[in-house]
Amino acid sequence: MISIIIANFNNTKELDKTLFNISNQKINTKVEVIIVDNLSQDKIILCVNKYKGLISKFIYEKDNGVYEAWNKGLKYSKGKFIIFLGSGDKFTSTGLRILLYQISRNPLLDWVTSRAFLYNKQDKIKIIGKKYFYKLFKKNMEVVHCGSIMKKTFIKKNNNFDTKFKTASDYDLILRSKNKIKTYFVNSVCILMLEGGISQSYLALWEKFNVLNKNFPNKYLGNLFRLLKDIFFYFIKNLILRSRKLLKIILEPILVKCASSLYIGISLLI
């Protein structure tokens, strides 16, 4: 059995899509779905009742963020392996089956990861996700945790998720293992991951800095340099995105007007 734990807060519309996606996965492995909801007020009960045949456990109580919610889900989970999803995350049509196949081939694995499509509500943005290498992982978390399969005993052995972090506790969990982890990387897209939230923010960069200091306290100056570099590149990236949006707002009416004038001019000539 595997356990899929989904943390949710006032995002029932996207949660519905995730549950629908899970219900349509063609797999032979028994799955339990655990929803941990932070007292949502957007018709969450209707959604849960809709999928009551799929959901094994529904926890509806106040929590202090996604990692506390995941720890609660772990407490009630019965699966040997755990998958963590957010509302709006979805597997590809064969994604879950591919990940489970790797576990069935080698049940000694602690963590099976893959590539993912990062998407927003308009379109797919880019493919993310790299293979786990400890030396690279110490610098940046480019391994996709969302939708990956992690052995429950590995999480427990490393004392679950540290709830003082709001965006980087999964990163911290892996670093705490000191590379004592057996991994496998699926070099194909198995998950569609909804963009957004505080995991893509200046707060996330600050938390990454704190996680690195917690695990590598003798490398404070190197961690500080990496923080400043990350902030610089994040600022430039956002500046470029905002500039593009501004140019679109300015140029679009002008181009429409020009096209309209050209059309009228051609019509008069004909």
Protein backbone atom coordinates (compact mmCIF):
# COMPACT_ATOMS: atom_id res chain seq x y z
CA MET A 1 0.00 0.00 0.00
CA ILE A 2 1.06 3.60 -0.64
CA SER A 3 -0.31 6.67 1.11
CA ILE A 4 -0.96 9.92 -0.73
CA ILE A 5 -1.06 12.88 1.66
CA ILE A 6 -2.58 16.14 0.42
CA ALA A 7 -2.43 19.37 2.43
CA ASN A 8 -5.17 21.85 1.54
CA PHE A 9 -6.32 25.31 2.58
CA ASN A 10 -9.15 27.13 0.78
CA ASN A 11 -8.21 25.58 -2.55
CA THR A 12 -11.03 23.09 -3.02
CA LYS A 13 -11.39 23.71 -6.76
CA GLU A 14 -7.80 22.56 -7.36
CA LEU A 15 -8.12 19.76 -4.79
CA ASP A 16 -11.03 18.37 -6.80
CA LYS A 17 -8.79 18.20 -9.89
CA THR A 18 -6.09 16.37 -7.94
CA LEU A 19 -8.54 13.82 -6.53
CA PHE A 20 -10.12 13.28 -9.96
CA ASN A 21 -6.65 12.68 -11.38
CA ILE A 22 -5.78 10.12 -8.68
CA SER A 23 -9.08 8.31 -9.20
CA ASN A 24 -8.23 7.87 -12.89
CA GLN A 25 -4.76 6.39 -12.41
CA LYS A 26 -4.61 2.84 -13.76
CA ILE A 27 -2.52 1.03 -11.14
CA ASN A 28 -2.62 -2.30 -9.32
CA THR A 29 -1.20 -1.02 -6.02
CA LYS A 30 -3.62 -0.24 -3.20
CA VAL A 31 -3.72 3.50 -2.46
CA GLU A 32 -4.98 5.38 0.58
CA VAL A 33 -5.61 9.11 0.23
CA ILE A 34 -5.33 11.32 3.30
CA ILE A 35 -6.58 14.92 3.14
CA VAL A 36 -5.31 17.31 5.82
CA ASP A 37 -7.32 20.52 5.63
CA ASN A 38 -6.67 23.74 7.55
CA LEU A 39 -10.35 24.58 8.19
CA SER A 40 -11.14 25.61 4.61
CA GLN A 41 -14.36 27.55 4.05
CA ASP A 42 -14.83 26.92 0.31
CA LYS A 43 -17.16 23.91 0.15
CA ILE A 44 -14.45 21.42 1.16
CA ILE A 45 -17.00 19.04 2.71
CA LEU A 46 -18.87 18.73 -0.60
CA CYS A 47 -15.59 17.83 -2.33
CA VAL A 48 -14.72 15.23 0.31
CA ASN A 49 -18.18 13.66 0.05
CA LYS A 50 -17.83 13.54 -3.73
CA TYR A 51 -14.68 11.40 -3.39
CA LYS A 52 -15.58 9.52 -0.20
CA GLY A 53 -14.88 6.22 -1.96
CA LEU A 54 -11.31 7.36 -2.64
CA ILE A 55 -10.45 9.25 0.57
CA SER A 56 -9.35 7.05 3.48
CA LYS A 57 -8.89 9.81 6.06
CA PHE A 58 -10.06 13.44 6.23
CA ILE A 59 -8.49 15.63 8.91
CA TYR A 60 -10.25 18.97 9.30
CA GLU A 61 -8.49 21.09 11.92
CA LYS A 62 -6.24 24.08 12.38
CA ASP A 63 -2.59 23.66 11.44
CA ASN A 64 0.45 25.91 11.13
CA GLY A 65 1.42 25.18 7.56
CA VAL A 66 1.97 22.41 5.06
CA TYR A 67 4.67 20.59 7.04
CA GLU A 68 2.55 20.28 10.16
CA ALA A 69 -0.23 19.00 7.90
CA TRP A 70 2.13 16.42 6.37
CA ASN A 71 3.28 15.28 9.81
CA LYS A 72 -0.37 14.79 10.80
CA GLY A 73 -0.98 12.79 7.65
CA LEU A 74 2.06 10.63 8.36
CA LYS A 75 0.70 9.83 11.81
CA TYR A 76 -2.43 8.26 10.29
CA SER A 77 -0.84 6.73 7.18
CA LYS A 78 -0.64 2.96 6.77
CA GLY A 79 1.42 2.82 3.58
CA LYS A 80 5.04 1.73 3.46
CA PHE A 81 5.68 4.50 0.95
CA ILE A 82 4.38 8.08 0.99
CA ILE A 83 3.54 10.58 -1.75
CA PHE A 84 3.01 14.25 -0.88
CA LEU A 85 0.87 16.40 -3.17
CA GLY A 86 -0.52 19.90 -3.11
CA SER A 87 -3.99 20.84 -4.33
CA GLY A 88 -3.72 21.22 -8.11
CA ASP A 89 -0.85 18.74 -8.53
CA LYS A 90 -1.59 15.89 -10.94
CA PHE A 91 0.12 12.79 -12.28
CA THR A 92 0.53 12.25 -16.00
CA SER A 93 -1.60 9.41 -17.39
CA THR A 94 1.17 6.88 -16.69
CA GLY A 95 3.15 8.87 -14.09
CA LEU A 96 2.11 7.08 -10.91
CA ARG A 97 2.43 3.68 -12.55
CA ILE A 98 6.00 4.45 -13.66
CA LEU A 99 7.03 5.58 -10.17
CA LEU A 100 5.44 2.55 -8.51
CA TYR A 101 7.16 0.23 -10.97
CA GLN A 102 10.56 1.42 -9.71
CA ILE A 103 9.55 0.75 -6.11
CA SER A 104 8.34 -2.76 -7.03
CA ARG A 105 11.69 -3.45 -8.73
CA ASN A 106 13.69 -2.27 -5.73
CA PRO A 107 11.75 -1.96 -2.45
CA LEU A 108 14.98 -0.96 -0.65
CA LEU A 109 14.82 2.47 -2.27
CA ASP A 110 14.14 5.42 0.04
CA TRP A 111 13.14 7.96 -2.59
CA VAL A 112 11.99 7.78 -6.22
CA THR A 113 11.82 11.12 -8.06
CA SER A 114 11.11 12.28 -11.61
CA ARG A 115 10.84 15.33 -13.78
CA ALA A 116 7.76 17.55 -13.54
CA PHE A 117 5.86 20.09 -15.59
CA LEU A 118 5.58 23.31 -13.60
CA TYR A 119 2.35 24.97 -14.72
CA ASN A 120 0.04 27.84 -13.84
CA LYS A 121 -3.68 28.14 -14.49
CA GLN A 122 -3.03 29.34 -18.04
CA ASP A 123 -0.41 26.94 -19.36
CA LYS A 124 2.58 24.69 -18.73
CA ILE A 125 5.63 26.80 -17.96
CA LYS A 126 8.70 24.58 -17.98
CA ILE A 127 10.07 21.15 -17.14
CA ILE A 128 11.87 20.95 -13.81
CA GLY A 129 13.56 18.23 -11.78
CA LYS A 130 17.06 16.78 -11.70
CA LYS A 131 18.69 13.62 -10.42
CA TYR A 132 19.78 13.59 -6.78
CA PHE A 133 23.49 14.16 -6.28
CA TYR A 134 24.45 15.07 -2.74
CA LYS A 135 27.15 17.60 -3.71
CA LEU A 136 24.72 19.49 -5.95
CA PHE A 137 21.81 19.05 -3.56
CA LYS A 138 23.76 20.82 -0.81
CA LYS A 139 23.79 23.92 -3.02
CA ASN A 140 20.21 23.89 -4.24
CA MET A 141 17.11 21.71 -4.16
CA GLU A 142 16.50 21.00 -7.84
CA VAL A 143 15.06 17.56 -7.15
CA VAL A 144 11.26 17.56 -7.39
CA HIS A 145 9.71 16.42 -4.10
CA CYS A 146 6.11 16.89 -5.22
CA GLY A 147 4.69 13.58 -6.45
CA SER A 148 7.84 11.65 -5.59
CA ILE A 149 7.65 8.43 -3.57
CA MET A 150 9.42 8.37 -0.20
CA LYS A 151 9.77 5.49 2.22
CA LYS A 152 7.92 6.16 5.45
CA THR A 153 10.67 4.67 7.63
CA PHE A 154 13.18 7.08 6.07
CA ILE A 155 11.02 10.06 7.07
CA LYS A 156 10.51 8.70 10.58
CA LYS A 157 14.19 7.91 11.02
CA ASN A 158 14.97 11.56 10.25
CA ASN A 159 12.33 12.86 12.71
CA ASN A 160 9.64 13.95 10.24
CA PHE A 161 9.38 17.53 8.93
CA ASP A 162 10.66 20.46 10.99
CA THR A 163 7.59 22.69 11.34
CA LYS A 164 9.58 25.83 12.08
CA PHE A 165 10.19 26.03 8.33
CA LYS A 166 7.33 27.08 6.05
CA THR A 167 8.85 26.42 2.61
CA ALA A 168 12.02 24.33 2.94
CA SER A 169 11.43 21.55 5.46
CA ASP A 170 11.52 18.85 2.75
CA TYR A 171 14.96 20.18 1.76
CA ASP A 172 16.00 20.08 5.41
CA LEU A 173 14.75 16.51 5.84
CA ILE A 174 16.95 15.20 3.02
CA LEU A 175 20.00 17.14 4.20
CA ARG A 176 19.55 15.76 7.72
CA SER A 177 20.00 12.25 6.34
CA LYS A 178 23.66 13.15 5.58
CA ASN A 179 23.41 11.40 2.22
CA LYS A 180 22.29 8.12 3.82
CA ILE A 181 19.54 7.71 1.27
CA LYS A 182 18.95 5.29 -1.61
CA THR A 183 17.44 7.12 -4.57
CA TYR A 184 16.27 6.48 -8.12
CA PHE A 185 15.53 9.10 -10.79
CA VAL A 186 12.93 8.63 -13.52
CA ASN A 187 14.13 10.73 -16.45
CA SER A 188 10.65 11.57 -17.70
CA VAL A 189 7.76 13.79 -16.65
CA CYS A 190 5.50 11.99 -14.16
CA ILE A 191 3.83 14.92 -12.40
CA LEU A 192 2.22 18.26 -13.23
CA MET A 193 2.98 20.68 -10.42
CA LEU A 194 0.88 23.80 -9.86
CA GLU A 195 3.01 26.94 -9.65
CA GLY A 196 2.58 29.46 -6.87
CA GLY A 197 2.69 29.86 -3.13
CA ILE A 198 5.43 30.95 -0.80
CA SER A 199 7.79 28.22 -2.03
CA GLN A 200 8.63 30.64 -4.87
CA SER A 201 9.42 33.81 -2.98
CA TYR A 202 12.07 35.78 -1.10
CA LEU A 203 10.91 33.98 2.04
CA ALA A 204 11.82 30.65 0.40
CA LEU A 205 15.34 31.94 -0.29
CA TRP A 206 15.71 33.07 3.32
CA GLU A 207 14.51 29.70 4.59
CA LYS A 208 16.93 27.89 2.29
CA PHE A 209 19.73 29.97 3.88
CA ASN A 210 18.54 28.96 7.37
CA VAL A 211 18.31 25.29 6.39
CA LEU A 212 21.88 25.36 5.07
CA ASN A 213 23.10 27.05 8.25
CA LYS A 214 21.30 24.45 10.36
CA ASN A 215 22.91 21.55 8.52
CA PHE A 216 26.27 23.14 7.67
CA PRO A 217 26.96 25.67 10.45
CA ASN A 218 30.70 25.95 9.58
CA LYS A 219 29.88 27.28 6.09
CA TYR A 220 28.04 30.44 7.13
CA LEU A 221 29.92 32.78 4.76
CA GLY A 222 29.44 30.44 1.80
CA ASN A 223 25.75 30.12 2.63
CA LEU A 224 25.45 33.90 2.90
CA PHE A 225 27.10 34.38 -0.49
CA ARG A 226 24.69 31.85 -2.01
CA LEU A 227 21.74 33.69 -0.46
CA LEU A 228 22.85 37.02 -1.95
CA LYS A 229 23.39 35.39 -5.34
CA ASP A 230 19.94 33.72 -5.22
CA ILE A 231 18.26 37.03 -4.28
CA PHE A 232 20.00 38.83 -7.15
CA PHE A 233 18.95 36.28 -9.78
CA TYR A 234 15.40 36.06 -8.38
CA PHE A 235 15.12 39.87 -8.57
CA ILE A 236 16.38 39.94 -12.18
CA LYS A 237 14.01 37.13 -13.19
CA ASN A 238 11.00 38.97 -11.73
CA LEU A 239 12.12 42.23 -13.29
CA ILE A 240 12.24 40.60 -16.73
CA LEU A 241 8.80 39.03 -16.27
CA ARG A 242 7.27 42.32 -15.15
CA SER A 243 8.94 44.17 -18.04
CA ARG A 244 7.44 41.72 -20.51
CA LYS A 245 3.97 42.17 -19.03
CA LEU A 246 4.35 45.95 -19.11
CA LEU A 247 5.49 45.90 -22.74
CA LYS A 248 2.52 43.73 -23.63
CA ILE A 249 0.11 46.18 -21.95
CA ILE A 250 1.70 49.14 -23.77
CA LEU A 251 2.26 47.58 -27.19
CA GLU A 252 -0.90 45.47 -27.59
CA PRO A 253 -3.34 48.41 -28.09
CA ILE A 254 -0.87 50.09 -30.46
CA LEU A 255 -0.49 46.92 -32.56
CA VAL A 256 -4.26 46.39 -32.65
CA LYS A 257 -4.77 49.99 -33.79
CA CYS A 258 -2.09 49.64 -36.49
CA ALA A 259 -3.60 46.37 -37.72
CA SER A 260 -7.06 47.95 -37.82
CA SER A 261 -5.77 50.97 -39.75
CA LEU A 262 -3.95 48.70 -42.19
CA TYR A 263 -7.09 46.64 -42.73
CA ILE A 264 -9.17 49.79 -43.41
CA GLY A 265 -6.50 51.10 -45.78
CA ILE A 266 -6.40 47.85 -47.77
CA SER A 267 -10.21 47.75 -47.87
CA LEU A 268 -10.33 51.26 -49.35
CA LEU A 269 -7.76 50.38 -52.00
CA ILE A 270 -9.73 47.30 -53.04
